[in-house]
Amino acid sequence: KAVGRIIFEELEKSKRTMRENNMWVNESPVQERRY
């Protein structure tokens, strides 16, 4: 769970970086490996 929290923090950082660059990703894949 501690490792999961670190990964979650990295995901949040990734979202912020993308948002700052006018980008977003739907976190649920449309199909396997398709986003």
ModelCIF file with pLDDT and N, C-alpha, C, O atoms, coordinates in Angstrom:
data_MODEL
#
_entry.id   MODEL 
#
_entity.id                         1 
_entity.type                       polymer 
_entity.pdbx_number_of_molecules   1 
#
_entity_poly.entity_id                      1 
_entity_poly.type                           'polypeptide(L)' 
_entity_poly.nstd_linkage                   no 
_entity_poly.nstd_monomer                   no 
_entity_poly.pdbx_seq_one_letter_code       KAVGRIIFEELEKSKRTMRENNMWVNESPVQERRY 
_entity_poly.pdbx_seq_one_letter_code_can   KAVGRIIFEELEKSKRTMRENNMWVNESPVQERRY 
_entity_poly.pdbx_strand_id                 A 
#
loop_
_entity_poly_seq.entity_id 
_entity_poly_seq.num 
_entity_poly_seq.mon_id 
_entity_poly_seq.hetero 
1 1  LYS n 
1 2  ALA n 
1 3  VAL n 
1 4  GLY n 
1 5  ARG n 
1 6  ILE n 
1 7  ILE n 
1 8  PHE n 
1 9  GLU n 
1 10 GLU n 
1 11 LEU n 
1 12 GLU n 
1 13 LYS n 
1 14 SER n 
1 15 LYS n 
1 16 ARG n 
1 17 THR n 
1 18 MET n 
1 19 ARG n 
1 20 GLU n 
1 21 ASN n 
1 22 ASN n 
1 23 MET n 
1 24 TRP n 
1 25 VAL n 
1 26 ASN n 
1 27 GLU n 
1 28 SER n 
1 29 PRO n 
1 30 VAL n 
1 31 GLN n 
1 32 GLU n 
1 33 ARG n 
1 34 ARG n 
1 35 TYR n 
#
_struct_asym.id          A 
_struct_asym.entity_id   1 
#
loop_
_ma_qa_metric.id 
_ma_qa_metric.mode 
_ma_qa_metric.name 
_ma_qa_metric.software_group_id 
_ma_qa_metric.type 
1 global pLDDT . pLDDT 
2 local  pLDDT . pLDDT 
#
_ma_qa_metric_global.metric_id      1 
_ma_qa_metric_global.metric_value   93.34 
_ma_qa_metric_global.model_id       1 
_ma_qa_metric_global.ordinal_id     1 
#
loop_
_ma_qa_metric_local.label_asym_id 
_ma_qa_metric_local.label_comp_id 
_ma_qa_metric_local.label_seq_id 
_ma_qa_metric_local.metric_id 
_ma_qa_metric_local.metric_value 
_ma_qa_metric_local.model_id 
_ma_qa_metric_local.ordinal_id 
A LYS 1  2 90.00 1 1  
A ALA 2  2 89.00 1 2  
A VAL 3  2 90.00 1 3  
A GLY 4  2 92.00 1 4  
A ARG 5  2 93.00 1 5  
A ILE 6  2 92.00 1 6  
A ILE 7  2 94.00 1 7  
A PHE 8  2 95.00 1 8  
A GLU 9  2 94.00 1 9  
A GLU 10 2 95.00 1 10 
A LEU 11 2 95.00 1 11 
A GLU 12 2 96.00 1 12 
A LYS 13 2 96.00 1 13 
A SER 14 2 96.00 1 14 
A LYS 15 2 96.00 1 15 
A ARG 16 2 96.00 1 16 
A THR 17 2 95.00 1 17 
A MET 18 2 95.00 1 18 
A ARG 19 2 95.00 1 19 
A GLU 20 2 95.00 1 20 
A ASN 21 2 95.00 1 21 
A ASN 22 2 95.00 1 22 
A MET 23 2 95.00 1 23 
A TRP 24 2 94.00 1 24 
A VAL 25 2 94.00 1 25 
A ASN 26 2 93.00 1 26 
A GLU 27 2 91.00 1 27 
A SER 28 2 91.00 1 28 
A PRO 29 2 91.00 1 29 
A VAL 30 2 92.00 1 30 
A GLN 31 2 90.00 1 31 
A GLU 32 2 88.00 1 32 
A ARG 33 2 90.00 1 33 
A ARG 34 2 94.00 1 34 
A TYR 35 2 95.00 1 35 
#
loop_
_atom_site.group_PDB 
_atom_site.id 
_atom_site.type_symbol 
_atom_site.label_atom_id 
_atom_site.label_alt_id 
_atom_site.label_comp_id 
_atom_site.label_asym_id 
_atom_site.label_entity_id 
_atom_site.label_seq_id 
_atom_site.pdbx_PDB_ins_code 
_atom_site.Cartn_x 
_atom_site.Cartn_y 
_atom_site.Cartn_z 
_atom_site.occupancy 
_atom_site.B_iso_or_equiv 
_atom_site.pdbx_formal_charge 
_atom_site.auth_seq_id 
_atom_site.auth_comp_id 
_atom_site.auth_asym_id 
_atom_site.auth_atom_id 
_atom_site.pdbx_PDB_model_num 
ATOM 1   N N  . LYS A 1 1  ? 0.824   -1.208 0.000   1.00 90.00 ? 1  LYS A N  1 
ATOM 2   C CA . LYS A 1 1  ? 0.000   0.000  0.000   1.00 90.00 ? 1  LYS A CA 1 
ATOM 3   C C  . LYS A 1 1  ? 0.861   1.262  0.000   1.00 90.00 ? 1  LYS A C  1 
ATOM 4   O O  . LYS A 1 1  ? 0.499   2.256  -0.629  1.00 90.00 ? 1  LYS A O  1 
ATOM 5   N N  . ALA A 1 2  ? 1.994   1.232  0.698   1.00 89.00 ? 2  ALA A N  1 
ATOM 6   C CA . ALA A 1 2  ? 2.902   2.388  0.710   1.00 89.00 ? 2  ALA A CA 1 
ATOM 7   C C  . ALA A 1 2  ? 3.455   2.638  -0.699  1.00 89.00 ? 2  ALA A C  1 
ATOM 8   O O  . ALA A 1 2  ? 3.546   3.783  -1.143  1.00 89.00 ? 2  ALA A O  1 
ATOM 9   N N  . VAL A 1 3  ? 3.816   1.570  -1.387  1.00 90.00 ? 3  VAL A N  1 
ATOM 10  C CA . VAL A 1 3  ? 4.286   1.699  -2.768  1.00 90.00 ? 3  VAL A CA 1 
ATOM 11  C C  . VAL A 1 3  ? 3.153   2.237  -3.642  1.00 90.00 ? 3  VAL A C  1 
ATOM 12  O O  . VAL A 1 3  ? 3.385   3.065  -4.523  1.00 90.00 ? 3  VAL A O  1 
ATOM 13  N N  . GLY A 1 4  ? 1.941   1.772  -3.401  1.00 92.00 ? 4  GLY A N  1 
ATOM 14  C CA . GLY A 1 4  ? 0.776   2.266  -4.138  1.00 92.00 ? 4  GLY A CA 1 
ATOM 15  C C  . GLY A 1 4  ? 0.584   3.769  -3.964  1.00 92.00 ? 4  GLY A C  1 
ATOM 16  O O  . GLY A 1 4  ? 0.223   4.468  -4.911  1.00 92.00 ? 4  GLY A O  1 
ATOM 17  N N  . ARG A 1 5  ? 0.825   4.263  -2.749  1.00 93.00 ? 5  ARG A N  1 
ATOM 18  C CA . ARG A 1 5  ? 0.706   5.709  -2.508  1.00 93.00 ? 5  ARG A CA 1 
ATOM 19  C C  . ARG A 1 5  ? 1.753   6.479  -3.291  1.00 93.00 ? 5  ARG A C  1 
ATOM 20  O O  . ARG A 1 5  ? 1.473   7.560  -3.809  1.00 93.00 ? 5  ARG A O  1 
ATOM 21  N N  . ILE A 1 6  ? 2.960   5.930  -3.381  1.00 92.00 ? 6  ILE A N  1 
ATOM 22  C CA . ILE A 1 6  ? 4.011   6.593  -4.158  1.00 92.00 ? 6  ILE A CA 1 
ATOM 23  C C  . ILE A 1 6  ? 3.622   6.630  -5.636  1.00 92.00 ? 6  ILE A C  1 
ATOM 24  O O  . ILE A 1 6  ? 3.796   7.649  -6.304  1.00 92.00 ? 6  ILE A O  1 
ATOM 25  N N  . ILE A 1 7  ? 3.100   5.520  -6.136  1.00 94.00 ? 7  ILE A N  1 
ATOM 26  C CA . ILE A 1 7  ? 2.656   5.475  -7.538  1.00 94.00 ? 7  ILE A CA 1 
ATOM 27  C C  . ILE A 1 7  ? 1.529   6.469  -7.757  1.00 94.00 ? 7  ILE A C  1 
ATOM 28  O O  . ILE A 1 7  ? 1.509   7.171  -8.768  1.00 94.00 ? 7  ILE A O  1 
ATOM 29  N N  . PHE A 1 8  ? 0.586   6.536  -6.817  1.00 95.00 ? 8  PHE A N  1 
ATOM 30  C CA . PHE A 1 8  ? -0.527  7.476  -6.933  1.00 95.00 ? 8  PHE A CA 1 
ATOM 31  C C  . PHE A 1 8  ? -0.015  8.914  -6.984  1.00 95.00 ? 8  PHE A C  1 
ATOM 32  O O  . PHE A 1 8  ? -0.512  9.722  -7.768  1.00 95.00 ? 8  PHE A O  1 
ATOM 33  N N  . GLU A 1 9  ? 0.981   9.240  -6.147  1.00 94.00 ? 9  GLU A N  1 
ATOM 34  C CA . GLU A 1 9  ? 1.573   10.583 -6.170  1.00 94.00 ? 9  GLU A CA 1 
ATOM 35  C C  . GLU A 1 9  ? 2.205   10.878 -7.531  1.00 94.00 ? 9  GLU A C  1 
ATOM 36  O O  . GLU A 1 9  ? 2.086   11.987 -8.052  1.00 94.00 ? 9  GLU A O  1 
ATOM 37  N N  . GLU A 1 10 ? 2.876   9.874  -8.102  1.00 95.00 ? 10 GLU A N  1 
ATOM 38  C CA . GLU A 1 10 ? 3.483   10.051 -9.425  1.00 95.00 ? 10 GLU A CA 1 
ATOM 39  C C  . GLU A 1 10 ? 2.410   10.244 -10.501 1.00 95.00 ? 10 GLU A C  1 
ATOM 40  O O  . GLU A 1 10 ? 2.594   11.021 -11.437 1.00 95.00 ? 10 GLU A O  1 
ATOM 41  N N  . LEU A 1 11 ? 1.288   9.530  -10.358 1.00 95.00 ? 11 LEU A N  1 
ATOM 42  C CA . LEU A 1 11 ? 0.171   9.716  -11.298 1.00 95.00 ? 11 LEU A CA 1 
ATOM 43  C C  . LEU A 1 11 ? -0.386  11.136 -11.207 1.00 95.00 ? 11 LEU A C  1 
ATOM 44  O O  . LEU A 1 11 ? -0.675  11.763 -12.226 1.00 95.00 ? 11 LEU A O  1 
ATOM 45  N N  . GLU A 1 12 ? -0.531  11.630 -9.998  1.00 96.00 ? 12 GLU A N  1 
ATOM 46  C CA . GLU A 1 12 ? -1.034  12.994 -9.811  1.00 96.00 ? 12 GLU A CA 1 
ATOM 47  C C  . GLU A 1 12 ? -0.065  14.009 -10.411 1.00 96.00 ? 12 GLU A C  1 
ATOM 48  O O  . GLU A 1 12 ? -0.490  14.992 -11.018 1.00 96.00 ? 12 GLU A O  1 
ATOM 49  N N  . LYS A 1 13 ? 1.225   13.774 -10.245 1.00 96.00 ? 13 LYS A N  1 
ATOM 50  C CA . LYS A 1 13 ? 2.231   14.660 -10.826 1.00 96.00 ? 13 LYS A CA 1 
ATOM 51  C C  . LYS A 1 13 ? 2.148   14.612 -12.356 1.00 96.00 ? 13 LYS A C  1 
ATOM 52  O O  . LYS A 1 13 ? 2.264   15.641 -13.021 1.00 96.00 ? 13 LYS A O  1 
ATOM 53  N N  . SER A 1 14 ? 1.950   13.424 -12.901 1.00 96.00 ? 14 SER A N  1 
ATOM 54  C CA . SER A 1 14 ? 1.805   13.258 -14.344 1.00 96.00 ? 14 SER A CA 1 
ATOM 55  C C  . SER A 1 14 ? 0.582   14.025 -14.859 1.00 96.00 ? 14 SER A C  1 
ATOM 56  O O  . SER A 1 14 ? 0.643   14.691 -15.892 1.00 96.00 ? 14 SER A O  1 
ATOM 57  N N  . LYS A 1 15 ? -0.520  13.921 -14.126 1.00 96.00 ? 15 LYS A N  1 
ATOM 58  C CA . LYS A 1 15 ? -1.744  14.647 -14.515 1.00 96.00 ? 15 LYS A CA 1 
ATOM 59  C C  . LYS A 1 15 ? -1.514  16.151 -14.510 1.00 96.00 ? 15 LYS A C  1 
ATOM 60  O O  . LYS A 1 15 ? -1.943  16.854 -15.425 1.00 96.00 ? 15 LYS A O  1 
ATOM 61  N N  . ARG A 1 16 ? -0.831  16.647 -13.471 1.00 96.00 ? 16 ARG A N  1 
ATOM 62  C CA . ARG A 1 16 ? -0.554  18.091 -13.392 1.00 96.00 ? 16 ARG A CA 1 
ATOM 63  C C  . ARG A 1 16 ? 0.303   18.549 -14.571 1.00 96.00 ? 16 ARG A C  1 
ATOM 64  O O  . ARG A 1 16 ? 0.033   19.587 -15.174 1.00 96.00 ? 16 ARG A O  1 
ATOM 65  N N  . THR A 1 17 ? 1.322   17.783 -14.890 1.00 95.00 ? 17 THR A N  1 
ATOM 66  C CA . THR A 1 17 ? 2.199   18.136 -16.011 1.00 95.00 ? 17 THR A CA 1 
ATOM 67  C C  . THR A 1 17 ? 1.418   18.154 -17.314 1.00 95.00 ? 17 THR A C  1 
ATOM 68  O O  . THR A 1 17 ? 1.573   19.065 -18.126 1.00 95.00 ? 17 THR A O  1 
ATOM 69  N N  . MET A 1 18 ? 0.579   17.145 -17.510 1.00 95.00 ? 18 MET A N  1 
ATOM 70  C CA . MET A 1 18 ? -0.222  17.116 -18.733 1.00 95.00 ? 18 MET A CA 1 
ATOM 71  C C  . MET A 1 18 ? -1.197  18.289 -18.761 1.00 95.00 ? 18 MET A C  1 
ATOM 72  O O  . MET A 1 18 ? -1.366  18.936 -19.795 1.00 95.00 ? 18 MET A O  1 
ATOM 73  N N  . ARG A 1 19 ? -1.836  18.560 -17.631 1.00 95.00 ? 19 ARG A N  1 
ATOM 74  C CA . ARG A 1 19 ? -2.790  19.674 -17.569 1.00 95.00 ? 19 ARG A CA 1 
ATOM 75  C C  . ARG A 1 19 ? -2.101  20.998 -17.915 1.00 95.00 ? 19 ARG A C  1 
ATOM 76  O O  . ARG A 1 19 ? -2.658  21.826 -18.636 1.00 95.00 ? 19 ARG A O  1 
ATOM 77  N N  . GLU A 1 20 ? -0.881  21.190 -17.393 1.00 95.00 ? 20 GLU A N  1 
ATOM 78  C CA . GLU A 1 20 ? -0.118  22.403 -17.684 1.00 95.00 ? 20 GLU A CA 1 
ATOM 79  C C  . GLU A 1 20 ? 0.202   22.526 -19.174 1.00 95.00 ? 20 GLU A C  1 
ATOM 80  O O  . GLU A 1 20 ? 0.443   23.623 -19.677 1.00 95.00 ? 20 GLU A O  1 
ATOM 81  N N  . ASN A 1 21 ? 0.201   21.396 -19.868 1.00 95.00 ? 21 ASN A N  1 
ATOM 82  C CA . ASN A 1 21 ? 0.493   21.375 -21.296 1.00 95.00 ? 21 ASN A CA 1 
ATOM 83  C C  . ASN A 1 21 ? -0.757  21.078 -22.127 1.00 95.00 ? 21 ASN A C  1 
ATOM 84  O O  . ASN A 1 21 ? -0.676  20.543 -23.232 1.00 95.00 ? 21 ASN A O  1 
ATOM 85  N N  . ASN A 1 22 ? -1.925  21.442 -21.562 1.00 95.00 ? 22 ASN A N  1 
ATOM 86  C CA . ASN A 1 22 ? -3.216  21.318 -22.251 1.00 95.00 ? 22 ASN A CA 1 
ATOM 87  C C  . ASN A 1 22 ? -3.481  19.901 -22.757 1.00 95.00 ? 22 ASN A C  1 
ATOM 88  O O  . ASN A 1 22 ? -3.857  19.696 -23.911 1.00 95.00 ? 22 ASN A O  1 
ATOM 89  N N  . MET A 1 23 ? -3.278  18.938 -21.874 1.00 95.00 ? 23 MET A N  1 
ATOM 90  C CA . MET A 1 23 ? -3.460  17.542 -22.253 1.00 95.00 ? 23 MET A CA 1 
ATOM 91  C C  . MET A 1 23 ? -4.143  16.783 -21.122 1.00 95.00 ? 23 MET A C  1 
ATOM 92  O O  . MET A 1 23 ? -3.964  17.114 -19.950 1.00 95.00 ? 23 MET A O  1 
ATOM 93  N N  . TRP A 1 24 ? -4.918  15.773 -21.471 1.00 94.00 ? 24 TRP A N  1 
ATOM 94  C CA . TRP A 1 24 ? -5.477  14.857 -20.486 1.00 94.00 ? 24 TRP A CA 1 
ATOM 95  C C  . TRP A 1 24 ? -5.571  13.470 -21.112 1.00 94.00 ? 24 TRP A C  1 
ATOM 96  O O  . TRP A 1 24 ? -5.587  13.325 -22.335 1.00 94.00 ? 24 TRP A O  1 
ATOM 97  N N  . VAL A 1 25 ? -5.634  12.452 -20.251 1.00 94.00 ? 25 VAL A N  1 
ATOM 98  C CA . VAL A 1 25 ? -5.771  11.063 -20.681 1.00 94.00 ? 25 VAL A CA 1 
ATOM 99  C C  . VAL A 1 25 ? -6.897  10.436 -19.886 1.00 94.00 ? 25 VAL A C  1 
ATOM 100 O O  . VAL A 1 25 ? -6.958  10.582 -18.665 1.00 94.00 ? 25 VAL A O  1 
ATOM 101 N N  . ASN A 1 26 ? -7.787  9.739  -20.573 1.00 93.00 ? 26 ASN A N  1 
ATOM 102 C CA . ASN A 1 26 ? -8.812  8.967  -19.886 1.00 93.00 ? 26 ASN A CA 1 
ATOM 103 C C  . ASN A 1 26 ? -8.118  7.749  -19.276 1.00 93.00 ? 26 ASN A C  1 
ATOM 104 O O  . ASN A 1 26 ? -7.479  6.976  -19.989 1.00 93.00 ? 26 ASN A O  1 
ATOM 105 N N  . GLU A 1 27 ? -8.242  7.581  -17.973 1.00 91.00 ? 27 GLU A N  1 
ATOM 106 C CA . GLU A 1 27 ? -7.495  6.535  -17.293 1.00 91.00 ? 27 GLU A CA 1 
ATOM 107 C C  . GLU A 1 27 ? -8.078  5.139  -17.460 1.00 91.00 ? 27 GLU A C  1 
ATOM 108 O O  . GLU A 1 27 ? -7.454  4.156  -17.062 1.00 91.00 ? 27 GLU A O  1 
ATOM 109 N N  . SER A 1 28 ? -9.251  5.045  -18.036 1.00 91.00 ? 28 SER A N  1 
ATOM 110 C CA . SER A 1 28 ? -9.833  3.741  -18.349 1.00 91.00 ? 28 SER A CA 1 
ATOM 111 C C  . SER A 1 28 ? -9.595  3.477  -19.832 1.00 91.00 ? 28 SER A C  1 
ATOM 112 O O  . SER A 1 28 ? -10.021 4.264  -20.677 1.00 91.00 ? 28 SER A O  1 
ATOM 113 N N  . PRO A 1 29 ? -8.921  2.383  -20.153 1.00 91.00 ? 29 PRO A N  1 
ATOM 114 C CA . PRO A 1 29 ? -8.640  2.117  -21.569 1.00 91.00 ? 29 PRO A CA 1 
ATOM 115 C C  . PRO A 1 29 ? -9.913  1.826  -22.354 1.00 91.00 ? 29 PRO A C  1 
ATOM 116 O O  . PRO A 1 29 ? -10.862 1.245  -21.826 1.00 91.00 ? 29 PRO A O  1 
ATOM 117 N N  . VAL A 1 30 ? -9.924  2.233  -23.614 1.00 92.00 ? 30 VAL A N  1 
ATOM 118 C CA . VAL A 1 30 ? -11.027 1.922  -24.523 1.00 92.00 ? 30 VAL A CA 1 
ATOM 119 C C  . VAL A 1 30 ? -10.989 0.420  -24.808 1.00 92.00 ? 30 VAL A C  1 
ATOM 120 O O  . VAL A 1 30 ? -12.014 -0.260 -24.771 1.00 92.00 ? 30 VAL A O  1 
ATOM 121 N N  . GLN A 1 31 ? -9.809  -0.071 -25.087 1.00 90.00 ? 31 GLN A N  1 
ATOM 122 C CA . GLN A 1 31 ? -9.508  -1.489 -25.228 1.00 90.00 ? 31 GLN A CA 1 
ATOM 123 C C  . GLN A 1 31 ? -8.169  -1.697 -24.554 1.00 90.00 ? 31 GLN A C  1 
ATOM 124 O O  . GLN A 1 31 ? -7.575  -0.743 -24.051 1.00 90.00 ? 31 GLN A O  1 
ATOM 125 N N  . GLU A 1 32 ? -7.687  -2.918 -24.534 1.00 88.00 ? 32 GLU A N  1 
ATOM 126 C CA . GLU A 1 32 ? -6.384  -3.144 -23.912 1.00 88.00 ? 32 GLU A CA 1 
ATOM 127 C C  . GLU A 1 32 ? -5.322  -2.307 -24.624 1.00 88.00 ? 32 GLU A C  1 
ATOM 128 O O  . GLU A 1 32 ? -5.161  -2.394 -25.841 1.00 88.00 ? 32 GLU A O  1 
ATOM 129 N N  . ARG A 1 33 ? -4.607  -1.504 -23.857 1.00 90.00 ? 33 ARG A N  1 
ATOM 130 C CA . ARG A 1 33 ? -3.523  -0.632 -24.319 1.00 90.00 ? 33 ARG A CA 1 
ATOM 131 C C  . ARG A 1 33 ? -3.987  0.496  -25.255 1.00 90.00 ? 33 ARG A C  1 
ATOM 132 O O  . ARG A 1 33 ? -3.140  1.136  -25.878 1.00 90.00 ? 33 ARG A O  1 
ATOM 133 N N  . ARG A 1 34 ? -5.282  0.762  -25.379 1.00 94.00 ? 34 ARG A N  1 
ATOM 134 C CA . ARG A 1 34 ? -5.794  1.865  -26.211 1.00 94.00 ? 34 ARG A CA 1 
ATOM 135 C C  . ARG A 1 34 ? -6.462  2.888  -25.286 1.00 94.00 ? 34 ARG A C  1 
ATOM 136 O O  . ARG A 1 34 ? -7.408  2.572  -24.564 1.00 94.00 ? 34 ARG A O  1 
ATOM 137 N N  . TYR A 1 35 ? -5.946  4.120  -25.329 1.00 95.00 ? 35 TYR A N  1 
ATOM 138 C CA . TYR A 1 35 ? -6.419  5.170  -24.429 1.00 95.00 ? 35 TYR A CA 1 
ATOM 139 C C  . TYR A 1 35 ? -6.850  6.394  -25.216 1.00 95.00 ? 35 TYR A C  1 
ATOM 140 O O  . TYR A 1 35 ? -7.280  7.387  -24.628 1.00 95.00 ? 35 TYR A O  1 
#
